[in-house]
């Protein structure tokens, strides 16, 4: 019978190749998930919030906002 030939031919190379193929698939799936998460922008809220605060500070410094407006907007952005 030749049931074991594909896996055991060439001294177990088939099993090693199968394991390597499985590991490659798992690594590929992990990279895909990481890429999709980064692409979706998940976890960038802190950067956006910091950028928004900088813009708010600039507007206040230019005199476009009163102190009360500045404090209210800052409170909204940091909460």
N, C-alpha and C. Protein backbone atom coordinates (compact mmCIF):
# COMPACT_ATOMS: atom_id res chain seq x y z
N UNK A 1 0.84 -1.19 0.00
CA UNK A 1 0.00 0.00 0.00
C UNK A 1 0.87 1.24 0.00
N UNK A 2 0.32 2.31 -0.51
CA UNK A 2 1.09 3.53 -0.60
C UNK A 2 0.44 4.65 0.21
N UNK A 3 -0.22 4.31 1.30
CA UNK A 3 -0.90 5.33 2.10
C UNK A 3 0.09 6.31 2.73
N UNK A 4 1.20 5.84 3.21
CA UNK A 4 2.14 6.70 3.90
C UNK A 4 3.17 7.34 2.99
N UNK A 5 3.17 7.03 1.73
CA UNK A 5 4.21 7.52 0.83
C UNK A 5 4.30 9.05 0.73
N UNK A 6 3.20 9.80 0.58
CA UNK A 6 3.37 11.24 0.44
C UNK A 6 3.99 11.89 1.68
N UNK A 7 3.70 11.40 2.86
CA UNK A 7 4.23 12.00 4.06
C UNK A 7 5.59 11.42 4.44
N UNK A 8 5.86 10.18 4.11
CA UNK A 8 7.08 9.54 4.55
C UNK A 8 8.10 9.33 3.44
N UNK A 9 7.76 9.67 2.22
CA UNK A 9 8.73 9.54 1.16
C UNK A 9 9.88 10.52 1.41
N UNK A 10 11.00 10.27 0.97
CA UNK A 10 12.17 11.13 1.14
C UNK A 10 12.53 11.34 2.60
N UNK A 11 12.35 10.38 3.45
CA UNK A 11 12.82 10.43 4.82
C UNK A 11 12.10 11.43 5.71
N UNK A 12 10.81 11.56 5.59
CA UNK A 12 10.06 12.46 6.46
C UNK A 12 10.04 13.90 5.99
N UNK A 13 10.54 14.17 4.82
CA UNK A 13 10.56 15.53 4.29
C UNK A 13 9.16 16.10 4.19
N UNK A 14 8.20 15.26 3.88
CA UNK A 14 6.81 15.72 3.75
C UNK A 14 6.27 16.28 5.05
N UNK A 15 6.60 15.65 6.17
CA UNK A 15 6.13 16.14 7.46
C UNK A 15 6.81 17.48 7.81
N UNK A 16 8.08 17.57 7.53
CA UNK A 16 8.80 18.82 7.80
C UNK A 16 8.24 19.94 6.93
N UNK A 17 8.05 19.65 5.65
CA UNK A 17 7.50 20.65 4.75
C UNK A 17 6.11 21.07 5.19
N UNK A 18 5.29 20.12 5.62
CA UNK A 18 3.95 20.43 6.11
C UNK A 18 3.99 21.34 7.33
N UNK A 19 4.91 21.08 8.25
CA UNK A 19 5.04 21.91 9.44
C UNK A 19 5.49 23.32 9.07
N UNK A 20 6.47 23.43 8.18
CA UNK A 20 6.94 24.74 7.75
C UNK A 20 5.83 25.50 7.04
N UNK A 21 5.07 24.82 6.23
CA UNK A 21 3.95 25.45 5.53
C UNK A 21 2.92 25.96 6.53
N UNK A 22 2.60 25.17 7.55
CA UNK A 22 1.65 25.56 8.57
C UNK A 22 2.14 26.81 9.32
N UNK A 23 3.40 26.83 9.71
CA UNK A 23 3.97 27.98 10.41
C UNK A 23 3.92 29.22 9.52
N UNK A 24 4.22 29.06 8.25
CA UNK A 24 4.19 30.19 7.31
C UNK A 24 2.77 30.75 7.21
N UNK A 25 1.78 29.89 7.17
CA UNK A 25 0.38 30.34 7.11
C UNK A 25 0.03 31.11 8.37
N UNK A 26 0.40 30.60 9.54
CA UNK A 26 0.10 31.28 10.81
C UNK A 26 0.77 32.66 10.85
N UNK A 27 2.03 32.73 10.45
CA UNK A 27 2.75 34.02 10.44
C UNK A 27 2.08 34.97 9.45
N UNK A 28 1.67 34.47 8.31
CA UNK A 28 0.99 35.31 7.32
C UNK A 28 -0.31 35.87 7.86
N UNK A 29 -1.08 35.06 8.56
CA UNK A 29 -2.34 35.54 9.14
C UNK A 29 -2.06 36.61 10.20
N UNK A 30 -1.04 36.41 11.01
CA UNK A 30 -0.70 37.41 12.04
C UNK A 30 -0.32 38.73 11.38
N UNK A 31 0.52 38.68 10.35
CA UNK A 31 0.91 39.91 9.65
C UNK A 31 -0.30 40.59 9.01
N UNK A 32 -1.21 39.80 8.47
CA UNK A 32 -2.42 40.37 7.86
C UNK A 32 -3.26 41.09 8.91
N UNK A 33 -3.43 40.49 10.06
CA UNK A 33 -4.22 41.12 11.13
C UNK A 33 -3.56 42.42 11.59
N UNK A 34 -2.25 42.40 11.80
CA UNK A 34 -1.53 43.61 12.22
C UNK A 34 -1.67 44.69 11.16
N UNK A 35 -1.52 44.34 9.90
CA UNK A 35 -1.63 45.31 8.82
C UNK A 35 -3.03 45.92 8.76
N UNK A 36 -4.06 45.09 8.92
CA UNK A 36 -5.43 45.59 8.89
C UNK A 36 -5.70 46.53 10.07
N UNK A 37 -5.19 46.19 11.24
CA UNK A 37 -5.38 47.05 12.41
C UNK A 37 -4.71 48.39 12.20
N UNK A 38 -3.48 48.39 11.71
CA UNK A 38 -2.77 49.64 11.46
C UNK A 38 -3.45 50.47 10.38
N UNK A 39 -3.95 49.80 9.37
CA UNK A 39 -4.60 50.50 8.26
C UNK A 39 -5.91 51.13 8.70
N UNK A 40 -6.63 50.50 9.62
CA UNK A 40 -7.91 51.02 10.07
C UNK A 40 -7.74 52.23 10.97
N UNK A 41 -6.52 52.45 11.49
CA UNK A 41 -6.29 53.61 12.34
C UNK A 41 -6.60 53.34 13.79
N UNK A 42 -6.83 52.10 14.14
CA UNK A 42 -7.11 51.76 15.53
C UNK A 42 -5.91 52.11 16.38
N UNK A 43 -6.14 52.78 17.48
CA UNK A 43 -5.07 53.14 18.39
C UNK A 43 -4.41 54.47 18.07
N UNK A 44 -4.97 55.24 17.14
CA UNK A 44 -4.39 56.54 16.81
C UNK A 44 -5.14 57.68 17.47
N UNK A 45 -6.05 57.39 18.38
CA UNK A 45 -6.84 58.43 19.03
C UNK A 45 -5.94 59.36 19.83
N UNK A 46 -4.92 58.84 20.49
CA UNK A 46 -4.03 59.68 21.28
C UNK A 46 -3.29 60.69 20.40
N UNK A 47 -2.84 60.26 19.25
CA UNK A 47 -2.13 61.15 18.34
C UNK A 47 -3.06 62.25 17.83
N UNK A 48 -4.29 61.86 17.48
CA UNK A 48 -5.26 62.82 16.98
C UNK A 48 -5.62 63.82 18.07
N UNK A 49 -5.81 63.33 19.27
CA UNK A 49 -6.15 64.20 20.39
C UNK A 49 -5.03 65.19 20.68
N UNK A 50 -3.79 64.74 20.67
CA UNK A 50 -2.65 65.61 20.91
C UNK A 50 -2.56 66.67 19.81
N UNK A 51 -2.79 66.27 18.58
CA UNK A 51 -2.75 67.21 17.46
C UNK A 51 -3.87 68.25 17.61
N UNK A 52 -5.05 67.81 18.02
CA UNK A 52 -6.17 68.72 18.22
C UNK A 52 -5.88 69.72 19.32
N UNK A 53 -5.23 69.28 20.39
CA UNK A 53 -4.87 70.19 21.48
C UNK A 53 -3.87 71.24 21.01
N UNK A 54 -2.93 70.83 20.16
CA UNK A 54 -1.97 71.79 19.62
C UNK A 54 -2.66 72.86 18.78
N UNK A 55 -3.61 72.45 17.97
CA UNK A 55 -4.37 73.40 17.15
C UNK A 55 -5.16 74.35 18.05
N UNK A 56 -5.77 73.79 19.09
CA UNK A 56 -6.53 74.61 20.03
C UNK A 56 -5.64 75.64 20.72
N UNK A 57 -4.46 75.21 21.13
CA UNK A 57 -3.51 76.14 21.77
C UNK A 57 -3.10 77.26 20.81
N UNK A 58 -2.88 76.91 19.56
CA UNK A 58 -2.51 77.91 18.57
C UNK A 58 -3.63 78.93 18.36
N UNK A 59 -4.85 78.45 18.28
CA UNK A 59 -6.00 79.34 18.09
C UNK A 59 -6.17 80.27 19.28
N UNK A 60 -5.94 79.74 20.48
CA UNK A 60 -6.03 80.57 21.68
C UNK A 60 -4.91 81.61 21.69
N UNK A 61 -3.72 81.20 21.31
CA UNK A 61 -2.59 82.12 21.27
C UNK A 61 -2.79 83.24 20.25
N UNK A 62 -3.45 82.93 19.14
CA UNK A 62 -3.72 83.94 18.12
C UNK A 62 -4.86 84.88 18.50
N UNK A 63 -5.57 84.54 19.57
CA UNK A 63 -6.69 85.37 20.00
C UNK A 63 -8.00 85.02 19.34
N UNK A 64 -8.08 83.90 18.65
CA UNK A 64 -9.32 83.49 17.99
C UNK A 64 -10.35 82.97 18.98
N UNK A 65 -9.91 82.56 20.16
CA UNK A 65 -10.79 82.00 21.18
C UNK A 65 -10.63 82.77 22.48
N UNK A 66 -11.75 82.90 23.20
CA UNK A 66 -11.66 83.47 24.54
C UNK A 66 -11.16 82.39 25.49
N UNK A 67 -10.79 82.81 26.70
CA UNK A 67 -10.30 81.85 27.68
C UNK A 67 -11.39 80.81 28.01
N UNK A 68 -12.63 81.28 28.11
CA UNK A 68 -13.75 80.37 28.42
C UNK A 68 -13.94 79.35 27.29
N UNK A 69 -13.90 79.80 26.04
CA UNK A 69 -14.03 78.89 24.90
C UNK A 69 -12.88 77.88 24.90
N UNK A 70 -11.68 78.37 25.14
CA UNK A 70 -10.50 77.50 25.17
C UNK A 70 -10.66 76.42 26.24
N UNK A 71 -11.04 76.82 27.45
CA UNK A 71 -11.18 75.85 28.54
C UNK A 71 -12.27 74.82 28.24
N UNK A 72 -13.39 75.26 27.68
CA UNK A 72 -14.48 74.33 27.34
C UNK A 72 -14.05 73.33 26.27
N UNK A 73 -13.39 73.81 25.24
CA UNK A 73 -12.95 72.92 24.17
C UNK A 73 -11.86 71.97 24.65
N UNK A 74 -10.96 72.47 25.49
CA UNK A 74 -9.91 71.62 26.03
C UNK A 74 -10.51 70.52 26.88
N UNK A 75 -11.53 70.84 27.66
CA UNK A 75 -12.20 69.85 28.51
C UNK A 75 -12.85 68.76 27.65
N UNK A 76 -13.47 69.18 26.54
CA UNK A 76 -14.09 68.20 25.65
C UNK A 76 -13.08 67.28 25.00
N UNK A 77 -11.94 67.83 24.62
CA UNK A 77 -10.92 67.02 23.95
C UNK A 77 -10.22 66.04 24.89
N UNK A 78 -10.07 66.41 26.14
CA UNK A 78 -9.33 65.56 27.08
C UNK A 78 -10.22 64.58 27.82
N UNK A 79 -11.52 64.71 27.69
CA UNK A 79 -12.40 63.77 28.41
C UNK A 79 -12.76 62.58 27.57
